[in-house]
Amino acid sequence: VYLQMNSLTPEDTAEYFCTAGIMHYT
């Protein structure tokens, strides 16, 4: 899985975590 991040700002500074789980229809 990918996360393309464009137009980055200092507010985007963080540790990024990949997860796997369940997406409900809601």
PDB file of all heavy atoms in Angstrom:
ATOM      1  N   VAL A   1       0.854  -1.173   0.000  1.00  0.00           N
ATOM      2  CA  VAL A   1       0.000   0.000   0.000  1.00  0.00           C
ATOM      3  C   VAL A   1       0.896   1.230   0.000  1.00  0.00           C
ATOM      4  O   VAL A   1       1.991   1.209   0.577  1.00  0.00           O
ATOM      5  CB  VAL A   1      -0.972  -0.003   1.203  1.00  0.00           C
ATOM      6  CG1 VAL A   1      -0.213   0.081   2.522  1.00  0.00           C
ATOM      7  CG2 VAL A   1      -1.979   1.139   1.084  1.00  0.00           C
ATOM      8  N   TYR A   2       0.440   2.294  -0.650  1.00  0.00           N
ATOM      9  CA  TYR A   2       1.240   3.495  -0.808  1.00  0.00           C
ATOM     10  C   TYR A   2       0.507   4.710  -0.267  1.00  0.00           C
ATOM     11  O   TYR A   2      -0.719   4.749  -0.207  1.00  0.00           O
ATOM     12  CB  TYR A   2       1.562   3.746  -2.282  1.00  0.00           C
ATOM     13  CG  TYR A   2       2.220   2.592  -2.985  1.00  0.00           C
ATOM     14  CD1 TYR A   2       1.466   1.674  -3.712  1.00  0.00           C
ATOM     15  CD2 TYR A   2       3.599   2.419  -2.921  1.00  0.00           C
ATOM     16  CE1 TYR A   2       2.065   0.617  -4.362  1.00  0.00           C
ATOM     17  CE2 TYR A   2       4.209   1.360  -3.569  1.00  0.00           C
ATOM     18  CZ  TYR A   2       3.438   0.460  -4.293  1.00  0.00           C
ATOM     19  OH  TYR A   2       4.046  -0.594  -4.939  1.00  0.00           O
ATOM     20  N   LEU A   3       1.275   5.700   0.094  1.00  0.00           N
ATOM     21  CA  LEU A   3       0.731   7.004   0.419  1.00  0.00           C
ATOM     22  C   LEU A   3       1.568   8.043  -0.304  1.00  0.00           C
ATOM     23  O   LEU A   3       2.708   8.306   0.086  1.00  0.00           O
ATOM     24  CB  LEU A   3       0.739   7.268   1.926  1.00  0.00           C
ATOM     25  CG  LEU A   3       0.079   8.580   2.355  1.00  0.00           C
ATOM     26  CD1 LEU A   3      -1.425   8.526   2.106  1.00  0.00           C
ATOM     27  CD2 LEU A   3       0.359   8.880   3.820  1.00  0.00           C
ATOM     28  N   GLN A   4       1.020   8.588  -1.372  1.00  0.00           N
ATOM     29  CA  GLN A   4       1.683   9.652  -2.106  1.00  0.00           C
ATOM     30  C   GLN A   4       1.350  10.970  -1.432  1.00  0.00           C
ATOM     31  O   GLN A   4       0.184  11.335  -1.305  1.00  0.00           O
ATOM     32  CB  GLN A   4       1.214   9.670  -3.561  1.00  0.00           C
ATOM     33  CG  GLN A   4       1.827  10.781  -4.402  1.00  0.00           C
ATOM     34  CD  GLN A   4       3.316  10.614  -4.597  1.00  0.00           C
ATOM     35  OE1 GLN A   4       3.774   9.525  -4.931  1.00  0.00           O
ATOM     36  NE2 GLN A   4       4.076  11.679  -4.390  1.00  0.00           N
ATOM     37  N   MET A   5       2.370  11.692  -1.014  1.00  0.00           N
ATOM     38  CA  MET A   5       2.198  12.932  -0.283  1.00  0.00           C
ATOM     39  C   MET A   5       2.810  14.075  -1.086  1.00  0.00           C
ATOM     40  O   MET A   5       4.017  14.102  -1.322  1.00  0.00           O
ATOM     41  CB  MET A   5       2.850  12.849   1.095  1.00  0.00           C
ATOM     42  CG  MET A   5       2.363  11.664   1.926  1.00  0.00           C
ATOM     43  SD  MET A   5       3.060  11.644   3.603  1.00  0.00           S
ATOM     44  CE  MET A   5       4.796  11.388   3.203  1.00  0.00           C
ATOM     45  N   ASN A   6       1.971  14.998  -1.492  1.00  0.00           N
ATOM     46  CA  ASN A   6       2.409  16.155  -2.260  1.00  0.00           C
ATOM     47  C   ASN A   6       2.159  17.433  -1.477  1.00  0.00           C
ATOM     48  O   ASN A   6       1.385  17.458  -0.527  1.00  0.00           O
ATOM     49  CB  ASN A   6       1.666  16.219  -3.600  1.00  0.00           C
ATOM     50  CG  ASN A   6       1.909  15.015  -4.478  1.00  0.00           C
ATOM     51  OD1 ASN A   6       3.003  14.450  -4.494  1.00  0.00           O
ATOM     52  ND2 ASN A   6       0.894  14.620  -5.235  1.00  0.00           N
ATOM     53  N   SER A   7       2.803  18.499  -1.909  1.00  0.00           N
ATOM     54  CA  SER A   7       2.639  19.811  -1.286  1.00  0.00           C
ATOM     55  C   SER A   7       2.795  19.736   0.222  1.00  0.00           C
ATOM     56  O   SER A   7       1.988  20.277   0.983  1.00  0.00           O
ATOM     57  CB  SER A   7       1.274  20.399  -1.658  1.00  0.00           C
ATOM     58  OG  SER A   7       1.139  20.531  -3.054  1.00  0.00           O
ATOM     59  N   LEU A   8       3.832  19.084   0.645  1.00  0.00           N
ATOM     60  CA  LEU A   8       4.054  18.877   2.070  1.00  0.00           C
ATOM     61  C   LEU A   8       4.353  20.182   2.794  1.00  0.00           C
ATOM     62  O   LEU A   8       4.991  21.084   2.244  1.00  0.00           O
ATOM     63  CB  LEU A   8       5.191  17.891   2.282  1.00  0.00           C
ATOM     64  CG  LEU A   8       4.844  16.429   1.972  1.00  0.00           C
ATOM     65  CD1 LEU A   8       6.108  15.608   1.797  1.00  0.00           C
ATOM     66  CD2 LEU A   8       3.982  15.846   3.090  1.00  0.00           C
ATOM     67  N   THR A   9       3.880  20.254   4.012  1.00  0.00           N
ATOM     68  CA  THR A   9       4.136  21.392   4.884  1.00  0.00           C
ATOM     69  C   THR A   9       4.738  20.886   6.187  1.00  0.00           C
ATOM     70  O   THR A   9       4.654  19.695   6.501  1.00  0.00           O
ATOM     71  CB  THR A   9       2.848  22.169   5.194  1.00  0.00           C
ATOM     72  OG1 THR A   9       2.066  21.446   6.155  1.00  0.00           O
ATOM     73  CG2 THR A   9       2.026  22.386   3.937  1.00  0.00           C
ATOM     74  N   PRO A  10       5.344  21.777   6.975  1.00  0.00           N
ATOM     75  CA  PRO A  10       5.881  21.342   8.266  1.00  0.00           C
ATOM     76  C   PRO A  10       4.845  20.699   9.176  1.00  0.00           C
ATOM     77  O   PRO A  10       5.205  19.887  10.036  1.00  0.00           O
ATOM     78  CB  PRO A  10       6.430  22.646   8.864  1.00  0.00           C
ATOM     79  CG  PRO A  10       6.819  23.447   7.675  1.00  0.00           C
ATOM     80  CD  PRO A  10       5.756  23.161   6.657  1.00  0.00           C
ATOM     81  N   GLU A  11       3.573  21.030   8.988  1.00  0.00           N
ATOM     82  CA  GLU A  11       2.519  20.423   9.794  1.00  0.00           C
ATOM     83  C   GLU A  11       2.325  18.946   9.489  1.00  0.00           C
ATOM     84  O   GLU A  11       1.669  18.238  10.255  1.00  0.00           O
ATOM     85  CB  GLU A  11       1.200  21.170   9.587  1.00  0.00           C
ATOM     86  CG  GLU A  11       1.216  22.617  10.085  1.00  0.00           C
ATOM     87  CD  GLU A  11       1.523  22.717  11.558  1.00  0.00           C
ATOM     88  OE1 GLU A  11       0.927  21.937  12.342  1.00  0.00           O
ATOM     89  OE2 GLU A  11       2.350  23.563  11.936  1.00  0.00           O
ATOM     90  N   ASP A  12       2.889  18.490   8.396  1.00  0.00           N
ATOM     91  CA  ASP A  12       2.820  17.074   8.054  1.00  0.00           C
ATOM     92  C   ASP A  12       3.919  16.262   8.725  1.00  0.00           C
ATOM     93  O   ASP A  12       3.932  15.031   8.605  1.00  0.00           O
ATOM     94  CB  ASP A  12       2.907  16.888   6.538  1.00  0.00           C
ATOM     95  CG  ASP A  12       1.735  17.502   5.810  1.00  0.00           C
ATOM     96  OD1 ASP A  12       0.585  17.299   6.246  1.00  0.00           O
ATOM     97  OD2 ASP A  12       1.967  18.194   4.789  1.00  0.00           O
ATOM     98  N   THR A  13       4.833  16.918   9.392  1.00  0.00           N
ATOM     99  CA  THR A  13       5.907  16.218  10.081  1.00  0.00           C
ATOM    100  C   THR A  13       5.329  15.312  11.159  1.00  0.00           C
ATOM    101  O   THR A  13       4.601  15.757  12.041  1.00  0.00           O
ATOM    102  CB  THR A  13       6.888  17.216  10.707  1.00  0.00           C
ATOM    103  OG1 THR A  13       7.546  17.949   9.677  1.00  0.00           O
ATOM    104  CG2 THR A  13       7.935  16.494  11.543  1.00  0.00           C
ATOM    105  N   ALA A  14       5.650  14.032  11.074  1.00  0.00           N
ATOM    106  CA  ALA A  14       5.110  13.057  12.012  1.00  0.00           C
ATOM    107  C   ALA A  14       5.711  11.694  11.711  1.00  0.00           C
ATOM    108  O   ALA A  14       6.360  11.495  10.683  1.00  0.00           O
ATOM    109  CB  ALA A  14       3.582  12.977  11.904  1.00  0.00           C
ATOM    110  N   GLU A  15       5.475  10.770  12.610  1.00  0.00           N
ATOM    111  CA  GLU A  15       5.760   9.382  12.315  1.00  0.00           C
ATOM    112  C   GLU A  15       4.505   8.784  11.689  1.00  0.00           C
ATOM    113  O   GLU A  15       3.412   8.913  12.248  1.00  0.00           O
ATOM    114  CB  GLU A  15       6.144   8.613  13.574  1.00  0.00           C
ATOM    115  CG  GLU A  15       6.635   7.203  13.279  1.00  0.00           C
ATOM    116  CD  GLU A  15       7.247   6.521  14.479  1.00  0.00           C
ATOM    117  OE1 GLU A  15       7.073   7.017  15.609  1.00  0.00           O
ATOM    118  OE2 GLU A  15       7.914   5.481  14.293  1.00  0.00           O
ATOM    119  N   TYR A  16       4.675   8.165  10.555  1.00  0.00           N
ATOM    120  CA  TYR A  16       3.551   7.612   9.815  1.00  0.00           C
ATOM    121  C   TYR A  16       3.501   6.101   9.974  1.00  0.00           C
ATOM    122  O   TYR A  16       4.506   5.415   9.802  1.00  0.00           O
ATOM    123  CB  TYR A  16       3.657   7.979   8.332  1.00  0.00           C
ATOM    124  CG  TYR A  16       3.293   9.416   8.049  1.00  0.00           C
ATOM    125  CD1 TYR A  16       4.127  10.457   8.444  1.00  0.00           C
ATOM    126  CD2 TYR A  16       2.102   9.740   7.400  1.00  0.00           C
ATOM    127  CE1 TYR A  16       3.789  11.781   8.208  1.00  0.00           C
ATOM    128  CE2 TYR A  16       1.761  11.060   7.153  1.00  0.00           C
ATOM    129  CZ  TYR A  16       2.599  12.069   7.560  1.00  0.00           C
ATOM    130  OH  TYR A  16       2.261  13.383   7.320  1.00  0.00           O
ATOM    131  N   PHE A  17       2.322   5.604  10.278  1.00  0.00           N
ATOM    132  CA  PHE A  17       2.113   4.186  10.531  1.00  0.00           C
ATOM    133  C   PHE A  17       1.181   3.576   9.501  1.00  0.00           C
ATOM    134  O   PHE A  17       0.122   4.133   9.210  1.00  0.00           O
ATOM    135  CB  PHE A  17       1.515   3.969  11.919  1.00  0.00           C
ATOM    136  CG  PHE A  17       2.401   4.412  13.041  1.00  0.00           C
ATOM    137  CD1 PHE A  17       2.330   5.708  13.527  1.00  0.00           C
ATOM    138  CD2 PHE A  17       3.299   3.537  13.613  1.00  0.00           C
ATOM    139  CE1 PHE A  17       3.146   6.122  14.568  1.00  0.00           C
ATOM    140  CE2 PHE A  17       4.117   3.935  14.655  1.00  0.00           C
ATOM    141  CZ  PHE A  17       4.041   5.231  15.133  1.00  0.00           C
ATOM    142  N   CYS A  18       1.576   2.452   8.983  1.00  0.00           N
ATOM    143  CA  CYS A  18       0.738   1.668   8.099  1.00  0.00           C
ATOM    144  C   CYS A  18      -0.095   0.704   8.936  1.00  0.00           C
ATOM    145  O   CYS A  18       0.388   0.158   9.927  1.00  0.00           O
ATOM    146  CB  CYS A  18       1.620   0.893   7.118  1.00  0.00           C
ATOM    147  SG  CYS A  18       0.746  -0.236   6.025  1.00  0.00           S
ATOM    148  N   THR A  19      -1.331   0.513   8.538  1.00  0.00           N
ATOM    149  CA  THR A  19      -2.214  -0.390   9.262  1.00  0.00           C
ATOM    150  C   THR A  19      -3.011  -1.260   8.303  1.00  0.00           C
ATOM    151  O   THR A  19      -3.203  -0.920   7.135  1.00  0.00           O
ATOM    152  CB  THR A  19      -3.210   0.374  10.150  1.00  0.00           C
ATOM    153  OG1 THR A  19      -4.129   1.110   9.334  1.00  0.00           O
ATOM    154  CG2 THR A  19      -2.482   1.347  11.074  1.00  0.00           C
ATOM    155  N   ALA A  20      -3.480  -2.368   8.819  1.00  0.00           N
ATOM    156  CA  ALA A  20      -4.406  -3.236   8.103  1.00  0.00           C
ATOM    157  C   ALA A  20      -5.599  -3.481   9.002  1.00  0.00           C
ATOM    158  O   ALA A  20      -5.447  -3.676  10.206  1.00  0.00           O
ATOM    159  CB  ALA A  20      -3.738  -4.551   7.729  1.00  0.00           C
ATOM    160  N   GLY A  21      -6.777  -3.461   8.427  1.00  0.00           N
ATOM    161  CA  GLY A  21      -7.950  -3.643   9.252  1.00  0.00           C
ATOM    162  C   GLY A  21      -9.217  -3.812   8.455  1.00  0.00           C
ATOM    163  O   GLY A  21      -9.211  -4.397   7.371  1.00  0.00           O
ATOM    164  N   ILE A  22     -10.291  -3.280   9.004  1.00  0.00           N
ATOM    165  CA  ILE A  22     -11.614  -3.448   8.423  1.00  0.00           C
ATOM    166  C   ILE A  22     -12.232  -2.095   8.105  1.00  0.00           C
ATOM    167  O   ILE A  22     -12.232  -1.192   8.949  1.00  0.00           O
ATOM    168  CB  ILE A  22     -12.546  -4.206   9.389  1.00  0.00           C
ATOM    169  CG1 ILE A  22     -11.957  -5.577   9.739  1.00  0.00           C
ATOM    170  CG2 ILE A  22     -13.936  -4.349   8.791  1.00  0.00           C
ATOM    171  CD1 ILE A  22     -11.822  -6.505   8.567  1.00  0.00           C
ATOM    172  N   MET A  23     -12.728  -1.960   6.906  1.00  0.00           N
ATOM    173  CA  MET A  23     -13.479  -0.780   6.520  1.00  0.00           C
ATOM    174  C   MET A  23     -14.948  -1.166   6.419  1.00  0.00           C
ATOM    175  O   MET A  23     -15.318  -2.015   5.615  1.00  0.00           O
ATOM    176  CB  MET A  23     -12.983  -0.216   5.196  1.00  0.00           C
ATOM    177  CG  MET A  23     -13.731   1.041   4.749  1.00  0.00           C
ATOM    178  SD  MET A  23     -13.141   1.702   3.170  1.00  0.00           S
ATOM    179  CE  MET A  23     -11.534   2.347   3.679  1.00  0.00           C
ATOM    180  N   HIS A  24     -15.768  -0.547   7.241  1.00  0.00           N
ATOM    181  CA  HIS A  24     -17.191  -0.820   7.220  1.00  0.00           C
ATOM    182  C   HIS A  24     -17.874   0.006   6.147  1.00  0.00           C
ATOM    183  O   HIS A  24     -17.338   1.022   5.685  1.00  0.00           O
ATOM    184  CB  HIS A  24     -17.807  -0.518   8.589  1.00  0.00           C
ATOM    185  CG  HIS A  24     -17.321  -1.410   9.676  1.00  0.00           C
ATOM    186  ND1 HIS A  24     -16.200  -1.137  10.417  1.00  0.00           N
ATOM    187  CD2 HIS A  24     -17.812  -2.588  10.149  1.00  0.00           C
ATOM    188  CE1 HIS A  24     -16.013  -2.092  11.299  1.00  0.00           C
ATOM    189  NE2 HIS A  24     -16.976  -2.982  11.158  1.00  0.00           N
ATOM    190  N   TYR A  25     -19.064  -0.419   5.790  1.00  0.00           N
ATOM    191  CA  TYR A  25     -19.817   0.295   4.772  1.00  0.00           C
ATOM    192  C   TYR A  25     -20.203   1.702   5.218  1.00  0.00           C
ATOM    193  O   TYR A  25     -20.523   2.545   4.383  1.00  0.00           O
ATOM    194  CB  TYR A  25     -21.066  -0.490   4.385  1.00  0.00           C
ATOM    195  CG  TYR A  25     -20.761  -1.736   3.602  1.00  0.00           C
ATOM    196  CD1 TYR A  25     -20.892  -2.996   4.167  1.00  0.00           C
ATOM    197  CD2 TYR A  25     -20.332  -1.646   2.280  1.00  0.00           C
ATOM    198  CE1 TYR A  25     -20.604  -4.140   3.444  1.00  0.00           C
ATOM    199  CE2 TYR A  25     -20.043  -2.782   1.553  1.00  0.00           C
ATOM    200  CZ  TYR A  25     -20.176  -4.027   2.138  1.00  0.00           C
ATOM    201  OH  TYR A  25     -19.890  -5.159   1.407  1.00  0.00           O
ATOM    202  N   THR A  26     -20.150   1.940   6.507  1.00  0.00           N
ATOM    203  CA  THR A  26     -20.409   3.277   7.029  1.00  0.00           C
ATOM    204  C   THR A  26     -19.253   4.234   6.769  1.00  0.00           C
ATOM    205  O   THR A  26     -19.390   5.434   6.967  1.00  0.00           O
ATOM    206  CB  THR A  26     -20.665   3.227   8.537  1.00  0.00           C
ATOM    207  OG1 THR A  26     -19.518   2.701   9.198  1.00  0.00           O
ATOM    208  CG2 THR A  26     -21.870   2.349   8.842  1.00  0.00           C
TER     209      THR A  26
END
